[in-house]
Amino acid sequence: MSAILEFERQQRDAKLEEVRRLAEDRPDGAARRAHEALTHVVRLRAFIAEGRVRALEAGSHPHKPCGEPRYPGSN
């Protein structure tokens, strides 16, 4: 499991570095919207990667749900 954790940490760090790189680059004009969309997607991927790392650090499998959600008033 430690190899998987290390791999996921490397993936997370790479995604965070890409977010930093994109944040420094600020194009003008028509390219601005495409850049903002790309930055948003990369931030989402970094957020997901962080969740995988935290799940592994907590001892659970990062690609399986923890269980069915429970809603108030349901049985």
C-alpha atoms as a PDB file:
ATOM      1  CA  MET A   1       0.000   0.000   0.000  1.00  0.00           C
ATOM      2  CA  SER A   2       2.913   2.381   0.616  1.00  0.00           C
ATOM      3  CA  ALA A   3       3.859   2.211  -3.077  1.00  0.00           C
ATOM      4  CA  ILE A   4       0.337   3.220  -4.028  1.00  0.00           C
ATOM      5  CA  LEU A   5       0.406   6.041  -1.474  1.00  0.00           C
ATOM      6  CA  GLU A   6       3.733   7.318  -2.788  1.00  0.00           C
ATOM      7  CA  PHE A   7       2.442   7.186  -6.374  1.00  0.00           C
ATOM      8  CA  GLU A   8      -0.708   9.114  -5.440  1.00  0.00           C
ATOM      9  CA  ARG A   9       1.397  11.712  -3.597  1.00  0.00           C
ATOM     10  CA  GLN A  10       3.534  12.196  -6.700  1.00  0.00           C
ATOM     11  CA  GLN A  11       0.419  12.582  -8.835  1.00  0.00           C
ATOM     12  CA  ARG A  12      -1.021  15.110  -6.367  1.00  0.00           C
ATOM     13  CA  ASP A  13       2.205  17.111  -6.306  1.00  0.00           C
ATOM     14  CA  ALA A  14       2.352  17.173 -10.117  1.00  0.00           C
ATOM     15  CA  LYS A  15      -1.222  18.428 -10.315  1.00  0.00           C
ATOM     16  CA  LEU A  16      -0.593  21.099  -7.676  1.00  0.00           C
ATOM     17  CA  GLU A  17       2.477  22.253  -9.604  1.00  0.00           C
ATOM     18  CA  GLU A  18       0.379  22.489 -12.759  1.00  0.00           C
ATOM     19  CA  VAL A  19      -2.172  24.614 -10.877  1.00  0.00           C
ATOM     20  CA  ARG A  20       0.638  26.943  -9.728  1.00  0.00           C
ATOM     21  CA  ARG A  21       2.012  27.198 -13.258  1.00  0.00           C
ATOM     22  CA  LEU A  22      -1.400  28.007 -14.716  1.00  0.00           C
ATOM     23  CA  ALA A  23      -2.092  30.582 -11.990  1.00  0.00           C
ATOM     24  CA  GLU A  24       1.063  32.489 -12.982  1.00  0.00           C
ATOM     25  CA  ASP A  25       0.076  32.619 -16.658  1.00  0.00           C
ATOM     26  CA  ARG A  26      -2.723  35.149 -17.319  1.00  0.00           C
ATOM     27  CA  PRO A  27      -3.559  35.448 -21.034  1.00  0.00           C
ATOM     28  CA  ASP A  28      -5.717  38.264 -22.390  1.00  0.00           C
ATOM     29  CA  GLY A  29      -8.511  38.296 -24.916  1.00  0.00           C
ATOM     30  CA  ALA A  30     -10.176  35.196 -26.297  1.00  0.00           C
ATOM     31  CA  ALA A  31      -7.636  32.823 -24.773  1.00  0.00           C
ATOM     32  CA  ARG A  32      -8.619  33.985 -21.290  1.00  0.00           C
ATOM     33  CA  ARG A  33     -11.815  31.915 -21.090  1.00  0.00           C
ATOM     34  CA  ALA A  34     -10.114  28.757 -22.315  1.00  0.00           C
ATOM     35  CA  HIS A  35      -7.336  29.321 -19.792  1.00  0.00           C
ATOM     36  CA  GLU A  36      -9.838  29.806 -16.958  1.00  0.00           C
ATOM     37  CA  ALA A  37     -11.651  26.602 -17.933  1.00  0.00           C
ATOM     38  CA  LEU A  38      -8.403  24.655 -18.071  1.00  0.00           C
ATOM     39  CA  THR A  39      -7.329  26.057 -14.710  1.00  0.00           C
ATOM     40  CA  HIS A  40     -10.672  25.044 -13.202  1.00  0.00           C
ATOM     41  CA  VAL A  41     -10.367  21.463 -14.484  1.00  0.00           C
ATOM     42  CA  VAL A  42      -6.797  21.173 -13.207  1.00  0.00           C
ATOM     43  CA  ARG A  43      -7.891  22.430  -9.774  1.00  0.00           C
ATOM     44  CA  LEU A  44     -10.634  19.793  -9.690  1.00  0.00           C
ATOM     45  CA  ARG A  45      -8.131  17.076 -10.579  1.00  0.00           C
ATOM     46  CA  ALA A  46      -5.788  18.301  -7.840  1.00  0.00           C
ATOM     47  CA  PHE A  47      -8.685  18.240  -5.357  1.00  0.00           C
ATOM     48  CA  ILE A  48      -9.508  14.644  -6.326  1.00  0.00           C
ATOM     49  CA  ALA A  49      -5.836  13.655  -6.044  1.00  0.00           C
ATOM     50  CA  GLU A  50      -5.697  15.183  -2.555  1.00  0.00           C
ATOM     51  CA  GLY A  51      -8.755  13.126  -1.591  1.00  0.00           C
ATOM     52  CA  ARG A  52      -7.080   9.935  -2.780  1.00  0.00           C
ATOM     53  CA  VAL A  53      -3.975  10.694  -0.726  1.00  0.00           C
ATOM     54  CA  ARG A  54      -6.057  11.417   2.370  1.00  0.00           C
ATOM     55  CA  ALA A  55      -8.055   8.216   1.889  1.00  0.00           C
ATOM     56  CA  LEU A  56      -4.868   6.168   1.650  1.00  0.00           C
ATOM     57  CA  GLU A  57      -3.380   7.888   4.677  1.00  0.00           C
ATOM     58  CA  ALA A  58      -6.578   7.053   6.596  1.00  0.00           C
ATOM     59  CA  GLY A  59      -6.231   3.402   5.597  1.00  0.00           C
ATOM     60  CA  SER A  60      -9.100   3.083   3.143  1.00  0.00           C
ATOM     61  CA  HIS A  61      -9.038   2.305  -0.550  1.00  0.00           C
ATOM     62  CA  PRO A  62      -9.067   5.537  -2.615  1.00  0.00           C
ATOM     63  CA  HIS A  63     -11.244   4.217  -5.457  1.00  0.00           C
ATOM     64  CA  LYS A  64     -14.093   2.650  -3.464  1.00  0.00           C
ATOM     65  CA  PRO A  65     -16.959   4.491  -1.812  1.00  0.00           C
ATOM     66  CA  CYS A  66     -17.066   4.474   1.977  1.00  0.00           C
ATOM     67  CA  GLY A  67     -20.671   3.371   2.012  1.00  0.00           C
ATOM     68  CA  GLU A  68     -24.140   4.453   1.101  1.00  0.00           C
ATOM     69  CA  PRO A  69     -25.061   7.945   2.244  1.00  0.00           C
ATOM     70  CA  ARG A  70     -27.635   8.172   4.996  1.00  0.00           C
ATOM     71  CA  TYR A  71     -30.282  10.826   4.785  1.00  0.00           C
ATOM     72  CA  PRO A  72     -32.360  12.137   7.680  1.00  0.00           C
ATOM     73  CA  GLY A  73     -35.744  10.402   7.836  1.00  0.00           C
ATOM     74  CA  SER A  74     -34.742   7.414   5.713  1.00  0.00           C
ATOM     75  CA  ASN A  75     -34.509   3.876   7.054  1.00  0.00           C
END
